[in-house]
């Protein structure tokens, strides 16, 4: 295996691991979004319940304070995950660029080797032709 193939394999591994990281961060963000939506739905249900039940109305203010606190925590988690996702996507884009550079270098080296091989073959054929012409 040549050094070019090794670089490409390493770059591919980096791209794959960063893709896994991005998908993991996206999954965590989606779960946090879902928890926030569930919290909102629970708060709406309790609001309706407080309208119908006097005891629930009495406890409603404390419940709303708890919901506000949990909403802030969840929103902070979501904001952090959004930032982490953006960073992971940037790292993935850089890894793709690196991979493409390595692939381009390998392709250029392959083409240069083919060109050199063709040049040597032409020189050999020319030499053979000159030898036959001198006989």
N, C-alpha and C. Protein backbone atom coordinates (compact mmCIF):
# COMPACT_ATOMS: atom_id res chain seq x y z
N UNK A 1 0.85 -1.17 0.00
CA UNK A 1 0.00 0.00 0.00
C UNK A 1 0.90 1.24 0.00
N UNK A 2 0.59 2.16 -0.88
CA UNK A 2 1.42 3.35 -0.99
C UNK A 2 1.04 4.36 0.09
N UNK A 3 1.89 5.35 0.25
CA UNK A 3 1.64 6.40 1.24
C UNK A 3 0.39 7.18 0.88
N UNK A 4 0.13 7.32 -0.43
CA UNK A 4 -1.07 8.05 -0.85
C UNK A 4 -2.34 7.30 -0.44
N UNK A 5 -2.34 6.00 -0.63
CA UNK A 5 -3.50 5.19 -0.23
C UNK A 5 -3.69 5.23 1.28
N UNK A 6 -2.58 5.22 2.02
CA UNK A 6 -2.68 5.31 3.49
C UNK A 6 -3.28 6.64 3.92
N UNK A 7 -2.85 7.73 3.30
CA UNK A 7 -3.42 9.04 3.64
C UNK A 7 -4.91 9.09 3.34
N UNK A 8 -5.30 8.52 2.22
CA UNK A 8 -6.71 8.51 1.84
C UNK A 8 -7.52 7.68 2.84
N UNK A 9 -6.98 6.53 3.24
CA UNK A 9 -7.69 5.69 4.22
C UNK A 9 -7.85 6.41 5.55
N UNK A 10 -6.79 7.09 5.99
CA UNK A 10 -6.87 7.84 7.25
C UNK A 10 -7.89 8.96 7.13
N UNK A 11 -7.87 9.68 6.01
CA UNK A 11 -8.82 10.78 5.81
C UNK A 11 -10.25 10.24 5.75
N UNK A 12 -10.45 9.10 5.10
CA UNK A 12 -11.79 8.49 5.06
C UNK A 12 -12.25 8.11 6.46
N UNK A 13 -11.34 7.57 7.26
CA UNK A 13 -11.69 7.20 8.63
C UNK A 13 -12.11 8.44 9.41
N UNK A 14 -11.37 9.54 9.25
CA UNK A 14 -11.70 10.78 9.95
C UNK A 14 -13.08 11.29 9.52
N UNK A 15 -13.36 11.25 8.22
CA UNK A 15 -14.66 11.70 7.71
C UNK A 15 -15.77 10.83 8.30
N UNK A 16 -15.58 9.52 8.30
CA UNK A 16 -16.61 8.62 8.83
C UNK A 16 -16.85 8.86 10.32
N UNK A 17 -15.78 9.06 11.08
CA UNK A 17 -15.96 9.28 12.53
C UNK A 17 -16.64 10.63 12.77
N UNK A 18 -16.34 11.64 11.98
CA UNK A 18 -17.01 12.92 12.14
C UNK A 18 -18.47 12.85 11.70
N UNK A 19 -18.76 12.05 10.70
CA UNK A 19 -20.16 11.86 10.31
C UNK A 19 -20.95 11.22 11.44
N UNK A 20 -20.33 10.24 12.11
CA UNK A 20 -20.99 9.60 13.26
C UNK A 20 -21.20 10.62 14.38
N UNK A 21 -20.21 11.47 14.60
CA UNK A 21 -20.34 12.50 15.64
C UNK A 21 -21.48 13.46 15.32
N UNK A 22 -21.55 13.90 14.07
CA UNK A 22 -22.63 14.81 13.68
C UNK A 22 -23.99 14.15 13.89
N UNK A 23 -24.12 12.90 13.47
CA UNK A 23 -25.42 12.23 13.62
C UNK A 23 -25.77 12.03 15.09
N UNK A 24 -24.76 11.77 15.93
CA UNK A 24 -25.02 11.60 17.37
C UNK A 24 -25.47 12.92 17.98
N UNK A 25 -24.85 14.03 17.60
CA UNK A 25 -25.23 15.34 18.14
C UNK A 25 -26.63 15.71 17.66
N UNK A 26 -26.92 15.43 16.39
CA UNK A 26 -28.25 15.73 15.85
C UNK A 26 -29.30 14.91 16.60
N UNK A 27 -29.00 13.65 16.89
CA UNK A 27 -29.95 12.80 17.62
C UNK A 27 -30.20 13.35 19.02
N UNK A 28 -29.12 13.78 19.70
CA UNK A 28 -29.30 14.35 21.04
C UNK A 28 -30.11 15.63 20.99
N UNK A 29 -29.88 16.46 19.98
CA UNK A 29 -30.64 17.71 19.84
C UNK A 29 -32.11 17.41 19.57
N UNK A 30 -32.38 16.43 18.73
CA UNK A 30 -33.76 16.07 18.44
C UNK A 30 -34.46 15.55 19.69
N UNK A 31 -33.75 14.78 20.50
CA UNK A 31 -34.33 14.29 21.76
C UNK A 31 -34.63 15.44 22.71
N UNK A 32 -33.72 16.42 22.78
CA UNK A 32 -33.96 17.58 23.64
C UNK A 32 -35.14 18.39 23.12
N UNK A 33 -35.25 18.54 21.80
CA UNK A 33 -36.41 19.24 21.22
C UNK A 33 -37.70 18.51 21.57
N UNK A 34 -37.66 17.20 21.51
CA UNK A 34 -38.84 16.39 21.84
C UNK A 34 -39.21 16.56 23.31
N UNK A 35 -38.20 16.57 24.19
CA UNK A 35 -38.48 16.77 25.62
C UNK A 35 -39.10 18.15 25.85
N UNK A 36 -38.62 19.16 25.12
CA UNK A 36 -39.19 20.50 25.26
C UNK A 36 -40.63 20.52 24.78
N UNK A 37 -40.91 19.87 23.68
CA UNK A 37 -42.29 19.81 23.18
C UNK A 37 -43.20 19.07 24.16
N UNK A 38 -42.70 18.00 24.75
CA UNK A 38 -43.48 17.25 25.74
C UNK A 38 -43.75 18.13 26.97
N UNK A 39 -42.76 18.90 27.38
CA UNK A 39 -42.94 19.80 28.52
C UNK A 39 -44.01 20.83 28.21
N UNK A 40 -43.99 21.39 27.00
CA UNK A 40 -45.00 22.37 26.60
C UNK A 40 -46.40 21.74 26.59
N UNK A 41 -46.49 20.52 26.08
CA UNK A 41 -47.78 19.83 26.04
C UNK A 41 -48.27 19.55 27.46
N UNK A 42 -47.37 19.14 28.33
CA UNK A 42 -47.74 18.89 29.73
C UNK A 42 -48.21 20.17 30.40
N UNK A 43 -47.54 21.28 30.11
CA UNK A 43 -47.93 22.57 30.70
C UNK A 43 -49.31 22.98 30.20
N UNK A 44 -49.59 22.78 28.92
CA UNK A 44 -50.91 23.11 28.39
C UNK A 44 -52.00 22.26 29.04
N UNK A 45 -51.71 20.97 29.22
CA UNK A 45 -52.69 20.09 29.86
C UNK A 45 -52.95 20.52 31.29
N UNK A 46 -51.91 20.92 32.00
CA UNK A 46 -52.09 21.37 33.38
C UNK A 46 -52.84 22.71 33.44
N UNK A 47 -52.62 23.57 32.43
CA UNK A 47 -53.37 24.82 32.37
C UNK A 47 -54.87 24.53 32.25
N UNK A 48 -55.22 23.62 31.38
CA UNK A 48 -56.65 23.25 31.22
C UNK A 48 -57.18 22.60 32.48
N UNK A 49 -56.37 21.76 33.11
CA UNK A 49 -56.78 21.09 34.33
C UNK A 49 -57.01 22.12 35.45
N UNK A 50 -56.16 23.15 35.50
CA UNK A 50 -56.30 24.19 36.53
C UNK A 50 -57.59 24.97 36.35
N UNK A 51 -58.04 25.10 35.13
CA UNK A 51 -59.29 25.81 34.88
C UNK A 51 -60.49 25.02 35.42
N UNK A 52 -60.37 23.71 35.45
CA UNK A 52 -61.49 22.86 35.84
C UNK A 52 -61.45 22.45 37.32
N UNK A 53 -60.27 22.41 37.90
CA UNK A 53 -60.12 21.88 39.26
C UNK A 53 -59.53 22.96 40.17
N UNK A 54 -60.24 23.25 41.26
CA UNK A 54 -59.82 24.31 42.18
C UNK A 54 -58.50 23.95 42.87
N UNK A 55 -58.33 22.71 43.27
CA UNK A 55 -57.08 22.29 43.92
C UNK A 55 -55.90 22.41 42.95
N UNK A 56 -56.12 22.00 41.69
CA UNK A 56 -55.06 22.13 40.69
C UNK A 56 -54.73 23.60 40.44
N UNK A 57 -55.74 24.46 40.49
CA UNK A 57 -55.51 25.89 40.30
C UNK A 57 -54.64 26.45 41.41
N UNK A 58 -54.82 25.93 42.61
CA UNK A 58 -54.04 26.38 43.76
C UNK A 58 -52.55 26.05 43.56
N UNK A 59 -52.27 24.89 43.00
CA UNK A 59 -50.88 24.44 42.80
C UNK A 59 -50.31 24.88 41.45
N UNK A 60 -51.13 25.49 40.63
CA UNK A 60 -50.75 25.83 39.26
C UNK A 60 -49.55 26.79 39.21
N UNK A 61 -49.47 27.79 40.07
CA UNK A 61 -48.38 28.77 40.04
C UNK A 61 -47.03 28.09 40.29
N UNK A 62 -46.99 27.20 41.26
CA UNK A 62 -45.74 26.49 41.54
C UNK A 62 -45.35 25.61 40.36
N UNK A 63 -46.35 24.98 39.77
CA UNK A 63 -46.09 24.14 38.60
C UNK A 63 -45.51 24.98 37.46
N UNK A 64 -46.10 26.15 37.20
CA UNK A 64 -45.63 27.01 36.11
C UNK A 64 -44.19 27.48 36.36
N UNK A 65 -43.85 27.75 37.62
CA UNK A 65 -42.46 28.13 37.92
C UNK A 65 -41.51 26.98 37.60
N UNK A 66 -41.91 25.79 37.96
CA UNK A 66 -41.10 24.61 37.63
C UNK A 66 -40.97 24.42 36.13
N UNK A 67 -42.05 24.63 35.40
CA UNK A 67 -42.01 24.51 33.94
C UNK A 67 -41.06 25.55 33.35
N UNK A 68 -41.14 26.78 33.84
CA UNK A 68 -40.24 27.84 33.33
C UNK A 68 -38.78 27.44 33.56
N UNK A 69 -38.50 26.92 34.75
CA UNK A 69 -37.13 26.51 35.08
C UNK A 69 -36.67 25.38 34.15
N UNK A 70 -37.50 24.35 34.00
CA UNK A 70 -37.14 23.24 33.13
C UNK A 70 -37.02 23.69 31.68
N UNK A 71 -37.90 24.62 31.24
CA UNK A 71 -37.83 25.13 29.87
C UNK A 71 -36.50 25.84 29.63
N UNK A 72 -36.06 26.66 30.60
CA UNK A 72 -34.77 27.35 30.46
C UNK A 72 -33.62 26.35 30.37
N UNK A 73 -33.68 25.32 31.21
CA UNK A 73 -32.62 24.30 31.19
C UNK A 73 -32.60 23.58 29.85
N UNK A 74 -33.77 23.18 29.38
CA UNK A 74 -33.83 22.47 28.10
C UNK A 74 -33.39 23.37 26.94
N UNK A 75 -33.79 24.64 26.97
CA UNK A 75 -33.40 25.55 25.90
C UNK A 75 -31.89 25.78 25.92
N UNK A 76 -31.30 25.83 27.12
CA UNK A 76 -29.84 25.97 27.23
C UNK A 76 -29.15 24.73 26.65
N UNK A 77 -29.70 23.54 26.93
CA UNK A 77 -29.15 22.31 26.36
C UNK A 77 -29.26 22.33 24.84
N UNK A 78 -30.40 22.74 24.34
CA UNK A 78 -30.62 22.78 22.89
C UNK A 78 -29.65 23.77 22.25
N UNK A 79 -29.49 24.95 22.86
CA UNK A 79 -28.57 25.94 22.31
C UNK A 79 -27.14 25.41 22.28
N UNK A 80 -26.74 24.71 23.34
CA UNK A 80 -25.39 24.13 23.38
C UNK A 80 -25.24 23.05 22.31
N UNK A 81 -26.28 22.25 22.12
CA UNK A 81 -26.23 21.20 21.10
C UNK A 81 -26.20 21.79 19.69
N UNK A 82 -26.92 22.87 19.48
CA UNK A 82 -26.89 23.53 18.17
C UNK A 82 -25.47 24.03 17.88
N UNK A 83 -24.83 24.62 18.87
CA UNK A 83 -23.46 25.10 18.69
C UNK A 83 -22.51 23.92 18.45
N UNK A 84 -22.69 22.84 19.21
CA UNK A 84 -21.85 21.66 19.03
C UNK A 84 -22.05 21.06 17.64
N UNK A 85 -23.30 21.03 17.18
CA UNK A 85 -23.60 20.51 15.85
C UNK A 85 -22.92 21.36 14.77
N UNK A 86 -22.99 22.68 14.93
CA UNK A 86 -22.34 23.56 13.95
C UNK A 86 -20.84 23.31 13.91
N UNK A 87 -20.23 23.16 15.07
CA UNK A 87 -18.80 22.87 15.13
C UNK A 87 -18.46 21.52 14.50
N UNK A 88 -19.29 20.52 14.77
CA UNK A 88 -19.06 19.20 14.20
C UNK A 88 -19.22 19.23 12.68
N UNK A 89 -20.20 19.98 12.19
CA UNK A 89 -20.39 20.09 10.74
C UNK A 89 -19.21 20.83 10.09
N UNK A 90 -18.70 21.85 10.76
CA UNK A 90 -17.52 22.56 10.23
C UNK A 90 -16.32 21.62 10.16
N UNK A 91 -16.12 20.84 11.23
CA UNK A 91 -15.01 19.88 11.25
C UNK A 91 -15.18 18.84 10.15
N UNK A 92 -16.41 18.41 9.92
CA UNK A 92 -16.69 17.44 8.85
C UNK A 92 -16.38 18.04 7.49
N UNK A 93 -16.76 19.29 7.29
CA UNK A 93 -16.48 19.95 6.01
C UNK A 93 -14.97 20.05 5.78
N UNK A 94 -14.22 20.39 6.83
CA UNK A 94 -12.77 20.46 6.71
C UNK A 94 -12.17 19.09 6.41
N UNK A 95 -12.71 18.06 7.04
CA UNK A 95 -12.22 16.70 6.79
C UNK A 95 -12.49 16.29 5.34
N UNK A 96 -13.67 16.64 4.82
CA UNK A 96 -13.97 16.35 3.41
C UNK A 96 -12.98 17.07 2.49
N UNK A 97 -12.69 18.33 2.81
CA UNK A 97 -11.73 19.09 2.00
C UNK A 97 -10.37 18.41 2.01
N UNK A 98 -9.94 17.99 3.20
CA UNK A 98 -8.66 17.28 3.30
C UNK A 98 -8.66 16.00 2.50
N UNK A 99 -9.74 15.24 2.58
CA UNK A 99 -9.85 14.00 1.83
C UNK A 99 -9.75 14.27 0.33
N UNK A 100 -10.47 15.29 -0.13
CA UNK A 100 -10.44 15.62 -1.56
C UNK A 100 -9.04 16.04 -1.99
N UNK A 101 -8.32 16.76 -1.13
CA UNK A 101 -6.94 17.15 -1.46
C UNK A 101 -6.06 15.92 -1.61
N UNK A 102 -6.18 14.98 -0.66
CA UNK A 102 -5.38 13.76 -0.76
C UNK A 102 -5.73 12.97 -2.01
N UNK A 103 -7.02 12.89 -2.30
CA UNK A 103 -7.42 12.17 -3.52
C UNK A 103 -6.88 12.86 -4.76
N UNK A 104 -6.87 14.18 -4.76
CA UNK A 104 -6.35 14.93 -5.91
C UNK A 104 -4.85 14.70 -6.06
N UNK A 105 -4.12 14.73 -4.95
CA UNK A 105 -2.68 14.47 -4.99
C UNK A 105 -2.42 13.06 -5.52
N UNK A 106 -3.18 12.09 -5.04
CA UNK A 106 -3.00 10.71 -5.50
C UNK A 106 -3.30 10.59 -6.99
N UNK A 107 -4.34 11.25 -7.45
CA UNK A 107 -4.70 11.20 -8.87
C UNK A 107 -3.62 11.87 -9.72
N UNK A 108 -3.12 13.01 -9.26
CA UNK A 108 -2.05 13.69 -9.99
C UNK A 108 -0.79 12.83 -10.05
N UNK A 109 -0.46 12.15 -8.95
CA UNK A 109 0.71 11.27 -8.93
C UNK A 109 0.50 10.09 -9.87
N UNK A 110 -0.72 9.54 -9.90
CA UNK A 110 -1.01 8.43 -10.81
C UNK A 110 -0.88 8.88 -12.26
N UNK A 111 -1.42 10.04 -12.57
CA UNK A 111 -1.33 10.56 -13.94
C UNK A 111 0.12 10.86 -14.32
N UNK A 112 0.90 11.39 -13.40
CA UNK A 112 2.32 11.66 -13.67
C UNK A 112 3.07 10.36 -13.92
N UNK A 113 2.75 9.32 -13.15
CA UNK A 113 3.39 8.02 -13.35
C UNK A 113 3.02 7.43 -14.71
N UNK A 114 1.75 7.55 -15.09
CA UNK A 114 1.33 7.05 -16.41
C UNK A 114 2.01 7.83 -17.52
N UNK A 115 2.13 9.12 -17.35
CA UNK A 115 2.78 9.97 -18.35
C UNK A 115 4.25 9.58 -18.49
N UNK A 116 4.90 9.35 -17.35
CA UNK A 116 6.31 8.94 -17.37
C UNK A 116 6.47 7.58 -18.02
N UNK A 117 5.58 6.67 -17.73
CA UNK A 117 5.62 5.34 -18.35
C UNK A 117 5.44 5.45 -19.86
N UNK A 118 4.49 6.26 -20.28
CA UNK A 118 4.27 6.46 -21.72
C UNK A 118 5.48 7.11 -22.37
N UNK A 119 6.11 8.07 -21.70
CA UNK A 119 7.30 8.72 -22.24
C UNK A 119 8.44 7.72 -22.41
N UNK A 120 8.63 6.85 -21.43
CA UNK A 120 9.68 5.83 -21.51
C UNK A 120 9.41 4.83 -22.64
N UNK A 121 8.14 4.48 -22.80
CA UNK A 121 7.78 3.55 -23.88
C UNK A 121 8.05 4.18 -25.24
N UNK A 122 7.75 5.47 -25.37
CA UNK A 122 8.00 6.17 -26.64
C UNK A 122 9.49 6.25 -26.91
N UNK A 123 10.27 6.54 -25.86
CA UNK A 123 11.73 6.58 -26.02
C UNK A 123 12.27 5.22 -26.43
N UNK A 124 11.76 4.16 -25.82
CA UNK A 124 12.21 2.81 -26.17
C UNK A 124 11.85 2.48 -27.61
N UNK A 125 10.64 2.86 -28.04
CA UNK A 125 10.22 2.59 -29.42
C UNK A 125 11.06 3.41 -30.40
N UNK A 126 11.35 4.67 -30.05
CA UNK A 126 12.19 5.51 -30.91
C UNK A 126 13.58 4.91 -31.04
N UNK A 127 14.13 4.46 -29.93
CA UNK A 127 15.47 3.84 -29.96
C UNK A 127 15.47 2.59 -30.81
N UNK A 128 14.42 1.80 -30.66
CA UNK A 128 14.30 0.57 -31.46
C UNK A 128 14.19 0.93 -32.95
N UNK A 129 13.42 1.96 -33.25
CA UNK A 129 13.28 2.40 -34.64
C UNK A 129 14.57 2.91 -35.21
N UNK A 130 15.34 3.65 -34.42
CA UNK A 130 16.65 4.14 -34.88
C UNK A 130 17.62 3.01 -35.13
N UNK A 131 17.62 2.02 -34.29
CA UNK A 131 18.51 0.85 -34.47
C UNK A 131 18.16 0.13 -35.76
N UNK A 132 16.89 -0.03 -36.03
CA UNK A 132 16.48 -0.72 -37.26
C UNK A 132 16.81 0.12 -38.49
N UNK A 133 16.72 1.41 -38.34
CA UNK A 133 17.01 2.29 -39.48
C UNK A 133 18.49 2.29 -39.81
N UNK A 134 19.37 2.10 -38.84
CA UNK A 134 20.82 2.07 -39.05
C UNK A 134 21.29 0.74 -39.57
N UNK A 135 20.54 -0.27 -39.56
CA UNK A 135 20.96 -1.61 -40.05
C UNK A 135 20.91 -1.67 -41.50
